Amino acid sequence: MRYIETIPQITPLLQEADHVDVKTIESTVSLREFLAAMFSYQPNWVTFLYGVRAVFVRFLGMKQGGIPRPRPLTPEKIAFTSGSPAYFFKVRMALENAFYVAEIKDKHLDAMLGVVVEPLQDNRKRFHVLTIVNYNNWAGPIYFNVIRPIHHVVVKGMARAGARGV
């Protein structure tokens, strides 16, 4: 986490958050390759969990707009412009080869998925995959604490996929 806190654009997001977690993995791929592979990660069991989520969120007075389908992405299709779509997120901020933060805003919580690149020797990089959550109402912490164990497994899988690249 220490390296992440040196990025001035990221620090305020961490300080204001209700929840932050970081998964770290090393690779030689570029940030674009990492993001394309990470956003393309959706095995069948994750698609199934979106179906379970659709039922669960109704109990909290929320809706899910359908089940996201896997979409293979290429590095060239990764948008770095603020406000551009990024899977079911929107790009909040990005700097080529340095960091990427996408966000989704909902009634119950706002969530950001970020990747910070820490350069190492011999073309290696340490990728810090961030989840940053801000609760908007009573349902936010209930929702997130129920999904948190699954969230950790999914994000670890996304990070591994990202490290393999496309």
Protein backbone atom coordinates (compact mmCIF):
# COMPACT_ATOMS: atom_id res chain seq x y z
CA MET A 1 0.00 0.00 0.00
CA ARG A 2 2.95 2.30 0.63
CA TYR A 3 3.68 2.75 -3.12
CA ILE A 4 0.02 3.48 -3.88
CA GLU A 5 0.00 6.29 -1.33
CA THR A 6 2.76 8.07 -3.28
CA ILE A 7 0.41 8.68 -6.22
CA PRO A 8 -1.17 12.11 -5.51
CA GLN A 9 -4.26 11.40 -7.62
CA ILE A 10 -5.02 8.18 -5.69
CA THR A 11 -4.35 9.33 -2.10
CA PRO A 12 -7.61 11.35 -1.65
CA LEU A 13 -9.67 8.37 -2.85
CA LEU A 14 -8.12 6.19 -0.14
CA GLN A 15 -8.56 8.74 2.63
CA GLU A 16 -12.27 9.25 1.94
CA ALA A 17 -13.14 5.54 1.57
CA ASP A 18 -15.24 3.38 3.84
CA HIS A 19 -13.40 0.29 2.59
CA VAL A 20 -10.16 -0.29 0.69
CA ASP A 21 -8.52 -3.54 -0.26
CA VAL A 22 -5.52 -4.22 -2.44
CA LYS A 23 -4.42 -7.33 -4.33
CA THR A 24 -0.85 -7.29 -5.64
CA ILE A 25 0.69 -9.35 -8.43
CA GLU A 26 3.79 -9.09 -10.63
CA SER A 27 4.04 -9.42 -14.39
CA THR A 28 5.77 -8.06 -17.48
CA VAL A 29 2.60 -7.08 -19.37
CA SER A 30 1.66 -3.46 -20.04
CA LEU A 31 -1.10 -1.71 -18.10
CA ARG A 32 -3.38 -1.90 -21.16
CA GLU A 33 -2.75 -5.66 -21.54
CA PHE A 34 -3.35 -6.15 -17.81
CA LEU A 35 -6.64 -4.21 -17.92
CA ALA A 36 -7.89 -5.97 -21.07
CA ALA A 37 -7.29 -9.40 -19.55
CA MET A 38 -8.62 -8.35 -16.14
CA PHE A 39 -11.88 -6.90 -17.55
CA SER A 40 -12.28 -9.97 -19.81
CA TYR A 41 -12.18 -12.33 -16.82
CA GLN A 42 -15.61 -13.84 -16.32
CA PRO A 43 -15.71 -17.59 -15.90
CA ASN A 44 -19.12 -19.29 -15.83
CA TRP A 45 -19.25 -19.35 -12.04
CA VAL A 46 -18.94 -15.54 -11.94
CA THR A 47 -21.79 -15.20 -14.45
CA PHE A 48 -23.84 -17.51 -12.19
CA LEU A 49 -23.06 -15.30 -9.18
CA TYR A 50 -24.43 -12.26 -11.05
CA GLY A 51 -27.71 -14.19 -11.26
CA VAL A 52 -27.65 -14.83 -7.51
CA ARG A 53 -26.85 -11.15 -6.94
CA ALA A 54 -29.91 -10.11 -8.97
CA VAL A 55 -32.14 -11.94 -6.47
CA PHE A 56 -30.22 -10.78 -3.38
CA VAL A 57 -30.28 -7.06 -4.20
CA ARG A 58 -34.08 -7.06 -4.44
CA PHE A 59 -34.20 -7.68 -0.67
CA LEU A 60 -32.27 -4.43 -0.23
CA GLY A 61 -34.64 -2.48 -2.49
CA MET A 62 -32.21 -2.38 -5.41
CA LYS A 63 -32.28 -3.60 -9.00
CA GLN A 64 -29.74 -5.18 -11.28
CA GLY A 65 -30.01 -4.20 -14.94
CA GLY A 66 -29.34 -7.70 -16.24
CA ILE A 67 -26.49 -10.15 -16.05
CA PRO A 68 -23.23 -8.88 -17.56
CA ARG A 69 -21.95 -11.19 -20.27
CA PRO A 70 -18.27 -11.97 -20.82
CA ARG A 71 -16.67 -9.65 -23.36
CA PRO A 72 -13.15 -10.34 -24.54
CA LEU A 73 -11.29 -7.05 -24.76
CA THR A 74 -8.10 -6.06 -26.51
CA PRO A 75 -5.60 -3.56 -25.12
CA GLU A 76 -6.53 -1.08 -27.86
CA LYS A 77 -10.16 -1.03 -26.67
CA ILE A 78 -9.29 0.08 -23.14
CA ALA A 79 -10.43 3.69 -22.77
CA PHE A 80 -8.23 6.05 -20.77
CA THR A 81 -10.45 9.14 -21.14
CA SER A 82 -12.35 10.23 -18.04
CA GLY A 83 -16.06 9.44 -18.37
CA SER A 84 -15.58 6.72 -21.01
CA PRO A 85 -17.25 3.35 -20.46
CA ALA A 86 -15.10 0.57 -18.99
CA TYR A 87 -17.17 -2.64 -18.93
CA PHE A 88 -19.96 -1.69 -16.49
CA PHE A 89 -17.78 1.02 -14.93
CA LYS A 90 -16.82 4.49 -16.14
CA VAL A 91 -13.24 5.70 -16.27
CA ARG A 92 -12.69 8.16 -13.43
CA MET A 93 -9.01 8.87 -14.06
CA ALA A 94 -6.15 7.19 -15.87
CA LEU A 95 -2.56 7.81 -16.80
CA GLU A 96 -0.95 5.55 -19.39
CA ASN A 97 1.51 3.06 -17.83
CA ALA A 98 0.91 4.47 -14.33
CA PHE A 99 -2.65 4.04 -12.99
CA TYR A 100 -6.25 3.47 -13.93
CA VAL A 101 -9.38 4.04 -11.84
CA ALA A 102 -12.89 3.16 -12.99
CA GLU A 103 -16.03 3.72 -10.94
CA ILE A 104 -19.64 2.73 -10.65
CA LYS A 105 -22.16 4.76 -8.69
CA ASP A 106 -25.23 3.13 -7.27
CA LYS A 107 -27.95 3.98 -4.76
CA HIS A 108 -26.35 1.93 -1.98
CA LEU A 109 -22.64 2.50 -2.63
CA ASP A 110 -20.04 3.91 -4.98
CA ALA A 111 -17.22 1.57 -5.91
CA MET A 112 -13.95 2.10 -7.68
CA LEU A 113 -11.72 -0.51 -9.22
CA GLY A 114 -8.20 0.72 -9.74
CA VAL A 115 -4.84 -0.55 -10.89
CA VAL A 116 -1.59 1.16 -9.95
CA VAL A 117 1.60 0.11 -11.74
CA GLU A 118 4.81 0.01 -9.71
CA PRO A 119 7.85 -0.30 -12.02
CA LEU A 120 10.43 -2.92 -11.03
CA GLN A 121 13.66 -4.07 -12.64
CA ASP A 122 13.97 -6.07 -15.88
CA ASN A 123 10.66 -4.87 -17.38
CA ARG A 124 8.73 -6.34 -14.44
CA LYS A 125 5.89 -4.45 -12.84
CA ARG A 126 3.97 -4.82 -9.62
CA PHE A 127 0.26 -4.32 -10.25
CA HIS A 128 -1.75 -3.14 -7.25
CA VAL A 129 -5.44 -3.87 -7.86
CA LEU A 130 -7.55 -1.60 -5.65
CA THR A 131 -11.14 -1.80 -4.54
CA ILE A 132 -12.36 1.44 -3.01
CA VAL A 133 -15.90 1.59 -1.59
CA ASN A 134 -17.98 4.48 -0.25
CA TYR A 135 -21.34 3.70 1.34
CA ASN A 136 -24.30 5.89 0.38
CA ASN A 137 -26.99 4.53 2.71
CA TRP A 138 -27.80 1.74 5.17
CA ALA A 139 -27.83 -0.92 2.41
CA GLY A 140 -24.22 -0.22 1.37
CA PRO A 141 -22.39 -1.91 4.26
CA ILE A 142 -24.93 -4.75 4.40
CA TYR A 143 -24.55 -5.46 0.69
CA PHE A 144 -20.77 -5.19 0.68
CA ASN A 145 -20.23 -7.30 3.80
CA VAL A 146 -22.39 -10.09 2.34
CA ILE A 147 -20.50 -10.13 -0.96
CA ARG A 148 -17.05 -9.38 0.50
CA PRO A 149 -15.78 -13.02 0.69
CA ILE A 150 -16.80 -13.61 -2.93
CA HIS A 151 -15.44 -10.21 -3.95
CA HIS A 152 -11.96 -11.20 -2.73
CA VAL A 153 -12.00 -14.42 -4.77
CA VAL A 154 -13.24 -12.65 -7.90
CA VAL A 155 -10.71 -9.81 -7.69
CA LYS A 156 -7.84 -12.26 -7.10
CA GLY A 157 -8.95 -14.12 -10.22
CA MET A 158 -9.13 -10.86 -12.15
CA ALA A 159 -5.60 -9.93 -11.01
CA ARG A 160 -4.22 -13.34 -12.05
CA ALA A 161 -5.92 -13.02 -15.44
CA GLY A 162 -4.50 -9.52 -15.81
CA ALA A 163 -0.97 -10.73 -15.04
CA ARG A 164 -1.24 -13.37 -17.78
CA GLY A 165 -2.25 -10.67 -20.23
CA VAL A 166 -4.13 -11.12 -23.48
